[in-house]
Amino acid sequence: MSITFNKLKPRVQSFHDWLASRGAEVLVPTNEWEVVRFKSGASTGIVYRNARGEITTQGSATAALKAFLNNMSWSAGVATTRTKKQVNVQALLQRDGDKCFLCGAPLGEDITRDHLVPVAHGGPNHISNLVLMHRACNVAVGHMPVMQKILMRERNMLAARQEQPK
């Protein structure tokens, strides 16, 4: 497939819409060279641009882009369900300790993972975007933007410091 980034660039949003209408989950690109990233069924498709401005594809993106450009049929297939990865909880405990990100109190049995940038707002489902919280704290922040979560955390930490005996 021979297409340049300059030819594809004005059609990227149309490609996103086309993918979504066929059952794919459009994801946020993870680096400057990715033009489009999406999940189709159990695989991830990626459209890249290289330094020469040429487009290359990986995974299911090859068939999807070809079908899009040639007005052919294509389907994302059946999505698989995500499972909660307990390894992430252990890795987060090791990285951050056993205190709630939001309130700073020790975590108990009600431990949950929270996406700092919500997946619904384009945040990645990656350990760098995850923190641990009590279930009630996680519910309280819901889908707040990351800056609001950090401000809420700072207010909680300041209040906790002021309550400590001097």
C-alpha atoms as a PDB file:
ATOM      1  CA  MET A   1       0.000   0.000   0.000  1.00  0.00           C
ATOM      2  CA  SER A   2       1.540   3.262  -1.059  1.00  0.00           C
ATOM      3  CA  ILE A   3       0.118   6.378   0.587  1.00  0.00           C
ATOM      4  CA  THR A   4       1.823   9.366   2.112  1.00  0.00           C
ATOM      5  CA  PHE A   5       1.035  11.003   5.412  1.00  0.00           C
ATOM      6  CA  ASN A   6       0.120  14.260   3.628  1.00  0.00           C
ATOM      7  CA  LYS A   7      -2.589  12.420   1.653  1.00  0.00           C
ATOM      8  CA  LEU A   8      -3.927  10.574   4.705  1.00  0.00           C
ATOM      9  CA  LYS A   9      -3.754  13.438   7.221  1.00  0.00           C
ATOM     10  CA  PRO A  10      -6.977  15.234   6.105  1.00  0.00           C
ATOM     11  CA  ARG A  11      -8.830  11.898   6.212  1.00  0.00           C
ATOM     12  CA  VAL A  12      -7.679  10.719   9.663  1.00  0.00           C
ATOM     13  CA  GLN A  13     -10.893  11.805  11.436  1.00  0.00           C
ATOM     14  CA  SER A  14     -12.977  10.118   8.714  1.00  0.00           C
ATOM     15  CA  PHE A  15     -10.877   6.976   9.205  1.00  0.00           C
ATOM     16  CA  HIS A  16     -11.503   7.140  12.991  1.00  0.00           C
ATOM     17  CA  ASP A  17     -15.261   7.441  12.379  1.00  0.00           C
ATOM     18  CA  TRP A  18     -15.165   4.638   9.807  1.00  0.00           C
ATOM     19  CA  LEU A  19     -13.308   2.337  12.235  1.00  0.00           C
ATOM     20  CA  ALA A  20     -15.713   3.102  15.097  1.00  0.00           C
ATOM     21  CA  SER A  21     -18.735   2.464  12.875  1.00  0.00           C
ATOM     22  CA  ARG A  22     -17.359  -1.009  12.149  1.00  0.00           C
ATOM     23  CA  GLY A  23     -16.812  -1.954  15.792  1.00  0.00           C
ATOM     24  CA  ALA A  24     -13.205  -0.891  16.379  1.00  0.00           C
ATOM     25  CA  GLU A  25     -12.154   1.000  19.506  1.00  0.00           C
ATOM     26  CA  VAL A  26     -10.084   4.014  18.447  1.00  0.00           C
ATOM     27  CA  LEU A  27      -7.217   4.545  20.905  1.00  0.00           C
ATOM     28  CA  VAL A  28      -4.892   7.437  21.634  1.00  0.00           C
ATOM     29  CA  PRO A  29      -1.565   7.192  19.744  1.00  0.00           C
ATOM     30  CA  THR A  30       1.328   6.395  22.079  1.00  0.00           C
ATOM     31  CA  ASN A  31       4.074   8.282  20.239  1.00  0.00           C
ATOM     32  CA  GLU A  32       4.640  10.964  17.610  1.00  0.00           C
ATOM     33  CA  TRP A  33       4.989   8.456  14.758  1.00  0.00           C
ATOM     34  CA  GLU A  34       1.597   6.815  15.265  1.00  0.00           C
ATOM     35  CA  VAL A  35      -1.133   8.318  13.099  1.00  0.00           C
ATOM     36  CA  VAL A  36      -3.953   5.968  14.164  1.00  0.00           C
ATOM     37  CA  ARG A  37      -4.139   3.243  16.840  1.00  0.00           C
ATOM     38  CA  PHE A  38      -7.184   1.037  17.329  1.00  0.00           C
ATOM     39  CA  LYS A  39      -8.354  -2.256  18.798  1.00  0.00           C
ATOM     40  CA  SER A  40     -10.213  -4.661  16.579  1.00  0.00           C
ATOM     41  CA  GLY A  41     -11.314  -7.901  18.137  1.00  0.00           C
ATOM     42  CA  ALA A  42      -8.357  -9.175  20.115  1.00  0.00           C
ATOM     43  CA  SER A  43      -5.657  -7.316  18.144  1.00  0.00           C
ATOM     44  CA  THR A  44      -4.359  -3.778  17.910  1.00  0.00           C
ATOM     45  CA  GLY A  45      -3.897  -2.018  14.588  1.00  0.00           C
ATOM     46  CA  ILE A  46      -1.435   0.832  14.165  1.00  0.00           C
ATOM     47  CA  VAL A  47      -0.879   3.215  11.259  1.00  0.00           C
ATOM     48  CA  TYR A  48       2.550   4.849  11.392  1.00  0.00           C
ATOM     49  CA  ARG A  49       4.256   7.609   9.454  1.00  0.00           C
ATOM     50  CA  ASN A  50       8.004   7.431   8.971  1.00  0.00           C
ATOM     51  CA  ALA A  51      10.576  10.218   8.656  1.00  0.00           C
ATOM     52  CA  ARG A  52      10.074  10.275   4.857  1.00  0.00           C
ATOM     53  CA  GLY A  53       6.329  10.833   5.280  1.00  0.00           C
ATOM     54  CA  GLU A  54       5.392   7.332   4.138  1.00  0.00           C
ATOM     55  CA  ILE A  55       2.625   5.368   5.818  1.00  0.00           C
ATOM     56  CA  THR A  56       3.241   1.878   7.184  1.00  0.00           C
ATOM     57  CA  THR A  57       0.834  -0.378   9.050  1.00  0.00           C
ATOM     58  CA  GLN A  58       0.953  -3.050  11.718  1.00  0.00           C
ATOM     59  CA  GLY A  59      -1.538  -5.702  12.786  1.00  0.00           C
ATOM     60  CA  SER A  60      -5.125  -5.320  11.631  1.00  0.00           C
ATOM     61  CA  ALA A  61      -4.391  -1.793  10.351  1.00  0.00           C
ATOM     62  CA  THR A  62      -3.181  -3.139   7.004  1.00  0.00           C
ATOM     63  CA  ALA A  63      -6.548  -4.620   6.024  1.00  0.00           C
ATOM     64  CA  ALA A  64      -8.534  -1.805   7.649  1.00  0.00           C
ATOM     65  CA  LEU A  65      -6.675   1.010   5.895  1.00  0.00           C
ATOM     66  CA  LYS A  66      -6.820  -0.795   2.554  1.00  0.00           C
ATOM     67  CA  ALA A  67     -10.593  -1.296   2.946  1.00  0.00           C
ATOM     68  CA  PHE A  68     -11.084   2.352   3.979  1.00  0.00           C
ATOM     69  CA  LEU A  69      -9.094   3.750   1.054  1.00  0.00           C
ATOM     70  CA  ASN A  70     -10.724   1.433  -1.502  1.00  0.00           C
ATOM     71  CA  ASN A  71     -14.282   1.689  -0.138  1.00  0.00           C
ATOM     72  CA  MET A  72     -14.374  -2.020   0.693  1.00  0.00           C
ATOM     73  CA  SER A  73     -16.105  -3.827   3.547  1.00  0.00           C
ATOM     74  CA  TRP A  74     -14.277  -4.484   6.810  1.00  0.00           C
ATOM     75  CA  SER A  75     -15.296  -5.436  10.330  1.00  0.00           C
ATOM     76  CA  ALA A  76     -13.395  -5.141  13.587  1.00  0.00           C
ATOM     77  CA  GLY A  77     -14.553  -8.585  14.657  1.00  0.00           C
ATOM     78  CA  VAL A  78     -15.608  -9.629  18.131  1.00  0.00           C
ATOM     79  CA  ALA A  79     -14.017  -7.794  21.019  1.00  0.00           C
ATOM     80  CA  THR A  80     -12.693  -9.760  23.934  1.00  0.00           C
ATOM     81  CA  THR A  81     -13.514  -8.721  27.463  1.00  0.00           C
ATOM     82  CA  ARG A  82     -10.824  -7.097  29.549  1.00  0.00           C
ATOM     83  CA  THR A  83      -9.813  -8.794  32.740  1.00  0.00           C
ATOM     84  CA  LYS A  84      -8.560  -6.967  35.802  1.00  0.00           C
ATOM     85  CA  LYS A  85      -4.836  -7.529  36.045  1.00  0.00           C
ATOM     86  CA  GLN A  86      -3.906  -8.194  39.659  1.00  0.00           C
ATOM     87  CA  VAL A  87      -0.257  -7.858  38.714  1.00  0.00           C
ATOM     88  CA  ASN A  88      -0.919  -4.137  38.267  1.00  0.00           C
ATOM     89  CA  VAL A  89      -2.150  -3.848  41.865  1.00  0.00           C
ATOM     90  CA  GLN A  90       1.015  -5.517  43.143  1.00  0.00           C
ATOM     91  CA  ALA A  91       3.199  -3.363  40.897  1.00  0.00           C
ATOM     92  CA  LEU A  92       1.373  -0.222  42.041  1.00  0.00           C
ATOM     93  CA  LEU A  93       1.755  -1.198  45.714  1.00  0.00           C
ATOM     94  CA  GLN A  94       5.457  -1.688  45.107  1.00  0.00           C
ATOM     95  CA  ARG A  95       5.779   1.618  43.228  1.00  0.00           C
ATOM     96  CA  ASP A  96       3.534   3.856  45.361  1.00  0.00           C
ATOM     97  CA  GLY A  97       3.216   2.147  48.724  1.00  0.00           C
ATOM     98  CA  ASP A  98       0.020   1.155  50.516  1.00  0.00           C
ATOM     99  CA  LYS A  99      -1.600   4.585  50.907  1.00  0.00           C
ATOM    100  CA  CYS A 100      -4.594   5.893  48.955  1.00  0.00           C
ATOM    101  CA  PHE A 101      -3.578   8.349  46.232  1.00  0.00           C
ATOM    102  CA  LEU A 102      -6.496  10.650  47.052  1.00  0.00           C
ATOM    103  CA  CYS A 103      -6.802  10.708  50.852  1.00  0.00           C
ATOM    104  CA  GLY A 104      -3.420   9.352  51.938  1.00  0.00           C
ATOM    105  CA  ALA A 105      -4.924   6.864  54.418  1.00  0.00           C
ATOM    106  CA  PRO A 106      -3.718   3.250  54.447  1.00  0.00           C
ATOM    107  CA  LEU A 107      -5.416   1.031  51.875  1.00  0.00           C
ATOM    108  CA  GLY A 108      -7.506  -1.871  53.129  1.00  0.00           C
ATOM    109  CA  GLU A 109      -9.594  -4.532  51.477  1.00  0.00           C
ATOM    110  CA  ASP A 110     -11.466  -1.905  49.413  1.00  0.00           C
ATOM    111  CA  ILE A 111      -8.456  -1.238  47.182  1.00  0.00           C
ATOM    112  CA  THR A 112      -9.208  -0.146  43.601  1.00  0.00           C
ATOM    113  CA  ARG A 113      -7.211   1.078  40.629  1.00  0.00           C
ATOM    114  CA  ASP A 114      -7.968   4.516  39.190  1.00  0.00           C
ATOM    115  CA  HIS A 115      -6.932   5.925  35.833  1.00  0.00           C
ATOM    116  CA  LEU A 116      -5.510   9.419  36.424  1.00  0.00           C
ATOM    117  CA  VAL A 117      -6.609  10.371  32.924  1.00  0.00           C
ATOM    118  CA  PRO A 118      -9.858   8.414  32.523  1.00  0.00           C
ATOM    119  CA  VAL A 119     -10.018   5.933  29.661  1.00  0.00           C
ATOM    120  CA  ALA A 120     -13.274   7.663  28.670  1.00  0.00           C
ATOM    121  CA  HIS A 121     -11.210  10.838  28.131  1.00  0.00           C
ATOM    122  CA  GLY A 122      -8.505   9.096  26.098  1.00  0.00           C
ATOM    123  CA  GLY A 123      -6.231   7.984  28.928  1.00  0.00           C
ATOM    124  CA  PRO A 124      -4.199   4.815  28.369  1.00  0.00           C
ATOM    125  CA  ASN A 125      -4.811   1.616  30.297  1.00  0.00           C
ATOM    126  CA  HIS A 126      -1.151   1.537  31.306  1.00  0.00           C
ATOM    127  CA  ILE A 127       0.536   1.376  34.690  1.00  0.00           C
ATOM    128  CA  SER A 128       1.902   4.911  34.208  1.00  0.00           C
ATOM    129  CA  ASN A 129      -1.706   6.175  34.238  1.00  0.00           C
ATOM    130  CA  LEU A 130      -2.840   4.097  37.239  1.00  0.00           C
ATOM    131  CA  VAL A 131      -2.930   4.816  40.970  1.00  0.00           C
ATOM    132  CA  LEU A 132      -4.486   2.993  43.925  1.00  0.00           C
ATOM    133  CA  MET A 133      -7.457   4.385  45.865  1.00  0.00           C
ATOM    134  CA  HIS A 134     -10.100   3.319  48.339  1.00  0.00           C
ATOM    135  CA  ARG A 135     -13.325   2.395  46.558  1.00  0.00           C
ATOM    136  CA  ALA A 136     -15.126   5.424  48.085  1.00  0.00           C
ATOM    137  CA  CYS A 137     -12.333   7.794  46.969  1.00  0.00           C
ATOM    138  CA  ASN A 138     -12.422   6.329  43.460  1.00  0.00           C
ATOM    139  CA  VAL A 139     -16.195   6.819  43.290  1.00  0.00           C
ATOM    140  CA  ALA A 140     -15.789  10.397  44.569  1.00  0.00           C
ATOM    141  CA  VAL A 141     -13.433  11.383  41.738  1.00  0.00           C
ATOM    142  CA  GLY A 142     -15.369   9.530  39.031  1.00  0.00           C
ATOM    143  CA  HIS A 143     -14.252  10.775  35.612  1.00  0.00           C
ATOM    144  CA  MET A 144     -12.723  14.038  36.860  1.00  0.00           C
ATOM    145  CA  PRO A 145      -9.874  15.456  34.786  1.00  0.00           C
ATOM    146  CA  VAL A 146      -6.456  14.631  36.215  1.00  0.00           C
ATOM    147  CA  MET A 147      -5.817  18.214  37.377  1.00  0.00           C
ATOM    148  CA  GLN A 148      -8.959  18.183  39.522  1.00  0.00           C
ATOM    149  CA  LYS A 149      -7.876  14.863  41.062  1.00  0.00           C
ATOM    150  CA  ILE A 150      -4.467  16.295  41.923  1.00  0.00           C
ATOM    151  CA  LEU A 151      -5.996  19.450  43.414  1.00  0.00           C
ATOM    152  CA  MET A 152      -8.380  17.333  45.505  1.00  0.00           C
ATOM    153  CA  ARG A 153      -5.445  15.218  46.684  1.00  0.00           C
ATOM    154  CA  GLU A 154      -3.429  18.319  47.626  1.00  0.00           C
ATOM    155  CA  ARG A 155      -6.353  19.718  49.639  1.00  0.00           C
ATOM    156  CA  ASN A 156      -6.733  16.376  51.433  1.00  0.00           C
ATOM    157  CA  MET A 157      -3.010  16.212  52.235  1.00  0.00           C
ATOM    158  CA  LEU A 158      -2.975  19.812  53.492  1.00  0.00           C
ATOM    159  CA  ALA A 159      -5.989  19.153  55.725  1.00  0.00           C
ATOM    160  CA  ALA A 160      -4.352  16.007  57.122  1.00  0.00           C
ATOM    161  CA  ARG A 161      -1.138  17.923  57.942  1.00  0.00           C
ATOM    162  CA  GLN A 162      -3.099  20.664  59.716  1.00  0.00           C
ATOM    163  CA  GLU A 163      -4.928  18.089  61.851  1.00  0.00           C
ATOM    164  CA  GLN A 164      -1.701  16.520  63.111  1.00  0.00           C
ATOM    165  CA  PRO A 165      -0.626  17.557  66.633  1.00  0.00           C
ATOM    166  CA  LYS A 166       2.338  19.897  66.720  1.00  0.00           C
END
